[in-house]
Amino acid sequence: MELEVLGADRQERVSTAAGEKPTAGYAVLNARLALQAAGATVTAGVENVLDKEYRAHLDPVTLYRPARNVFMKVSRSF
């Protein structure tokens, strides 16, 4: 099991000449779980568990990162 916290502080030092805008600070929680069975690895997780709307530094002003995402991956080496 893995818990991950991603975040950044408010960014106010921007290049207005390049069209950059200040960005609010944010924190995002991700969770993943991996299990091995029958020679395969199954990984499942939830990204942005708290469903927070945020914009990372240098993202276009109208672009917000995805809301909560759920995923599952199965891999097998042979």
N, C-alpha and C. Protein backbone atom coordinates (compact mmCIF):
# COMPACT_ATOMS: atom_id res chain seq x y z
N MET A 1 0.85 -1.17 0.00
CA MET A 1 0.00 0.00 0.00
C MET A 1 0.89 1.23 0.00
N GLU A 2 0.49 2.22 -0.74
CA GLU A 2 1.26 3.45 -0.84
C GLU A 2 0.33 4.65 -0.77
N LEU A 3 0.64 5.58 0.10
CA LEU A 3 -0.07 6.86 0.15
C LEU A 3 0.91 7.93 -0.29
N GLU A 4 0.44 8.84 -1.10
CA GLU A 4 1.30 9.89 -1.64
C GLU A 4 0.59 11.23 -1.50
N VAL A 5 1.32 12.22 -1.04
CA VAL A 5 0.79 13.58 -0.96
C VAL A 5 1.65 14.45 -1.87
N LEU A 6 0.99 15.10 -2.82
CA LEU A 6 1.66 16.04 -3.72
C LEU A 6 1.16 17.44 -3.39
N GLY A 7 2.03 18.39 -3.44
CA GLY A 7 1.57 19.74 -3.14
C GLY A 7 2.56 20.80 -3.54
N ALA A 8 2.09 22.01 -3.54
CA ALA A 8 2.94 23.15 -3.85
C ALA A 8 2.36 24.37 -3.13
N ASP A 9 3.25 25.26 -2.76
CA ASP A 9 2.84 26.51 -2.13
C ASP A 9 2.36 27.49 -3.20
N ARG A 10 1.69 28.52 -2.78
CA ARG A 10 1.21 29.57 -3.70
C ARG A 10 2.40 30.13 -4.49
N GLN A 11 2.21 30.31 -5.79
CA GLN A 11 3.26 30.86 -6.65
C GLN A 11 2.84 32.24 -7.11
N GLU A 12 3.55 33.24 -6.62
CA GLU A 12 3.23 34.62 -6.99
C GLU A 12 4.31 35.26 -7.85
N ARG A 13 5.48 34.65 -7.93
CA ARG A 13 6.56 35.17 -8.76
C ARG A 13 6.39 34.63 -10.17
N VAL A 14 5.73 35.37 -11.00
CA VAL A 14 5.40 34.93 -12.35
C VAL A 14 5.87 35.95 -13.37
N SER A 15 5.93 35.53 -14.61
CA SER A 15 6.29 36.42 -15.71
C SER A 15 5.01 36.92 -16.37
N THR A 16 4.58 38.10 -15.99
CA THR A 16 3.36 38.65 -16.58
C THR A 16 3.56 38.92 -18.07
N ALA A 17 4.81 39.18 -18.49
CA ALA A 17 5.10 39.41 -19.91
C ALA A 17 4.83 38.14 -20.73
N ALA A 18 4.99 36.97 -20.11
CA ALA A 18 4.74 35.69 -20.79
C ALA A 18 3.30 35.23 -20.60
N GLY A 19 2.49 36.03 -19.91
CA GLY A 19 1.09 35.69 -19.71
C GLY A 19 0.83 34.77 -18.53
N GLU A 20 1.82 34.57 -17.66
CA GLU A 20 1.63 33.71 -16.49
C GLU A 20 0.78 34.42 -15.45
N LYS A 21 0.02 33.64 -14.71
CA LYS A 21 -0.83 34.16 -13.64
C LYS A 21 -0.41 33.50 -12.33
N PRO A 22 -0.61 34.18 -11.20
CA PRO A 22 -0.34 33.55 -9.91
C PRO A 22 -1.17 32.27 -9.74
N THR A 23 -0.62 31.32 -9.01
CA THR A 23 -1.27 30.03 -8.80
C THR A 23 -1.46 29.80 -7.31
N ALA A 24 -2.66 29.38 -6.92
CA ALA A 24 -2.92 29.06 -5.51
C ALA A 24 -2.16 27.80 -5.12
N GLY A 25 -1.87 27.67 -3.84
CA GLY A 25 -1.25 26.45 -3.35
C GLY A 25 -2.25 25.30 -3.37
N TYR A 26 -1.74 24.08 -3.34
CA TYR A 26 -2.62 22.91 -3.35
C TYR A 26 -1.93 21.71 -2.71
N ALA A 27 -2.72 20.75 -2.33
CA ALA A 27 -2.23 19.45 -1.85
C ALA A 27 -3.20 18.39 -2.36
N VAL A 28 -2.65 17.30 -2.86
CA VAL A 28 -3.45 16.23 -3.44
C VAL A 28 -3.02 14.91 -2.80
N LEU A 29 -3.97 14.05 -2.47
CA LEU A 29 -3.70 12.75 -1.87
C LEU A 29 -3.98 11.66 -2.89
N ASN A 30 -3.00 10.77 -3.10
CA ASN A 30 -3.15 9.61 -3.98
C ASN A 30 -2.95 8.34 -3.17
N ALA A 31 -3.62 7.27 -3.54
CA ALA A 31 -3.48 5.98 -2.84
C ALA A 31 -3.36 4.87 -3.87
N ARG A 32 -2.43 3.93 -3.63
CA ARG A 32 -2.22 2.79 -4.53
C ARG A 32 -2.03 1.52 -3.71
N LEU A 33 -2.43 0.41 -4.29
CA LEU A 33 -2.26 -0.90 -3.67
C LEU A 33 -1.84 -1.88 -4.75
N ALA A 34 -0.81 -2.67 -4.48
CA ALA A 34 -0.34 -3.67 -5.45
C ALA A 34 -0.33 -5.04 -4.79
N LEU A 35 -0.80 -6.04 -5.53
CA LEU A 35 -0.82 -7.42 -5.06
C LEU A 35 -0.23 -8.32 -6.15
N GLN A 36 0.47 -9.37 -5.74
CA GLN A 36 0.97 -10.33 -6.70
C GLN A 36 0.20 -11.63 -6.53
N ALA A 37 -0.27 -12.17 -7.66
CA ALA A 37 -1.02 -13.42 -7.63
C ALA A 37 -0.88 -14.11 -8.98
N ALA A 38 -0.66 -15.40 -8.96
CA ALA A 38 -0.58 -16.23 -10.17
C ALA A 38 0.41 -15.67 -11.18
N GLY A 39 1.54 -15.17 -10.71
CA GLY A 39 2.58 -14.66 -11.59
C GLY A 39 2.30 -13.29 -12.17
N ALA A 40 1.25 -12.64 -11.75
CA ALA A 40 0.90 -11.31 -12.25
C ALA A 40 0.89 -10.33 -11.09
N THR A 41 1.04 -9.07 -11.43
CA THR A 41 0.94 -8.01 -10.44
C THR A 41 -0.29 -7.17 -10.78
N VAL A 42 -1.16 -7.01 -9.80
CA VAL A 42 -2.36 -6.20 -9.96
C VAL A 42 -2.17 -4.94 -9.13
N THR A 43 -2.25 -3.80 -9.78
CA THR A 43 -2.11 -2.51 -9.10
C THR A 43 -3.42 -1.74 -9.27
N ALA A 44 -3.95 -1.22 -8.18
CA ALA A 44 -5.17 -0.41 -8.22
C ALA A 44 -4.93 0.83 -7.39
N GLY A 45 -5.63 1.89 -7.73
CA GLY A 45 -5.43 3.10 -6.98
C GLY A 45 -6.47 4.16 -7.25
N VAL A 46 -6.38 5.19 -6.44
CA VAL A 46 -7.23 6.37 -6.58
C VAL A 46 -6.31 7.58 -6.54
N GLU A 47 -6.38 8.39 -7.58
CA GLU A 47 -5.62 9.64 -7.62
C GLU A 47 -6.56 10.78 -7.28
N ASN A 48 -6.06 11.74 -6.54
CA ASN A 48 -6.86 12.89 -6.09
C ASN A 48 -8.05 12.40 -5.26
N VAL A 49 -7.75 11.63 -4.23
CA VAL A 49 -8.76 11.01 -3.37
C VAL A 49 -9.80 12.01 -2.87
N LEU A 50 -9.37 13.20 -2.51
CA LEU A 50 -10.28 14.20 -1.94
C LEU A 50 -11.00 15.02 -3.00
N ASP A 51 -10.78 14.69 -4.27
CA ASP A 51 -11.48 15.33 -5.40
C ASP A 51 -11.30 16.85 -5.39
N LYS A 52 -10.06 17.29 -5.22
CA LYS A 52 -9.77 18.72 -5.15
C LYS A 52 -9.48 19.27 -6.55
N GLU A 53 -10.09 20.39 -6.89
CA GLU A 53 -9.81 21.07 -8.15
C GLU A 53 -8.56 21.92 -7.94
N TYR A 54 -7.56 21.76 -8.81
CA TYR A 54 -6.34 22.54 -8.65
C TYR A 54 -5.67 22.77 -10.00
N ARG A 55 -4.79 23.74 -10.01
CA ARG A 55 -4.01 24.09 -11.19
C ARG A 55 -2.56 24.15 -10.76
N ALA A 56 -1.70 23.37 -11.43
CA ALA A 56 -0.28 23.37 -11.09
C ALA A 56 0.39 24.61 -11.67
N HIS A 57 1.55 24.95 -11.14
CA HIS A 57 2.30 26.11 -11.62
C HIS A 57 2.59 25.96 -13.11
N LEU A 58 2.45 27.03 -13.82
CA LEU A 58 2.70 27.12 -15.26
C LEU A 58 1.66 26.40 -16.12
N ASP A 59 0.61 25.84 -15.52
CA ASP A 59 -0.51 25.32 -16.31
C ASP A 59 -1.24 26.50 -16.93
N PRO A 60 -1.82 26.31 -18.11
CA PRO A 60 -2.65 27.40 -18.67
C PRO A 60 -3.75 27.79 -17.68
N VAL A 61 -4.12 29.05 -17.70
CA VAL A 61 -5.07 29.59 -16.72
C VAL A 61 -6.40 28.83 -16.72
N THR A 62 -6.84 28.36 -17.86
CA THR A 62 -8.14 27.69 -17.94
C THR A 62 -8.04 26.18 -17.72
N LEU A 63 -6.83 25.64 -17.52
CA LEU A 63 -6.66 24.19 -17.35
C LEU A 63 -6.60 23.82 -15.88
N TYR A 64 -7.53 22.99 -15.45
CA TYR A 64 -7.48 22.44 -14.11
C TYR A 64 -7.19 20.96 -14.22
N ARG A 65 -6.45 20.44 -13.27
CA ARG A 65 -6.07 19.03 -13.28
C ARG A 65 -7.31 18.16 -13.10
N PRO A 66 -7.23 16.88 -13.52
CA PRO A 66 -8.39 15.99 -13.44
C PRO A 66 -8.89 15.83 -12.01
N ALA A 67 -10.16 15.56 -11.90
CA ALA A 67 -10.76 15.28 -10.59
C ALA A 67 -10.33 13.87 -10.16
N ARG A 68 -11.06 13.26 -9.28
CA ARG A 68 -10.72 11.93 -8.78
C ARG A 68 -10.64 10.94 -9.94
N ASN A 69 -9.58 10.13 -9.96
CA ASN A 69 -9.39 9.08 -10.96
C ASN A 69 -9.20 7.75 -10.26
N VAL A 70 -9.84 6.73 -10.78
CA VAL A 70 -9.69 5.38 -10.26
C VAL A 70 -9.07 4.55 -11.38
N PHE A 71 -8.07 3.74 -11.05
CA PHE A 71 -7.43 2.93 -12.08
C PHE A 71 -7.07 1.54 -11.56
N MET A 72 -6.89 0.61 -12.51
CA MET A 72 -6.42 -0.73 -12.20
C MET A 72 -5.52 -1.18 -13.34
N LYS A 73 -4.40 -1.80 -12.99
CA LYS A 73 -3.44 -2.26 -13.99
C LYS A 73 -3.04 -3.69 -13.64
N VAL A 74 -2.97 -4.55 -14.65
CA VAL A 74 -2.51 -5.91 -14.47
C VAL A 74 -1.29 -6.08 -15.37
N SER A 75 -0.19 -6.56 -14.80
CA SER A 75 1.01 -6.80 -15.60
C SER A 75 1.57 -8.17 -15.28
N ARG A 76 2.16 -8.75 -16.31
CA ARG A 76 2.77 -10.08 -16.15
C ARG A 76 3.99 -10.15 -17.04
N SER A 77 5.09 -10.58 -16.46
CA SER A 77 6.33 -10.75 -17.23
C SER A 77 6.47 -12.20 -17.66
N PHE A 78 6.92 -12.37 -18.89
CA PHE A 78 7.16 -13.75 -19.36
C PHE A 78 8.25 -13.75 -20.40
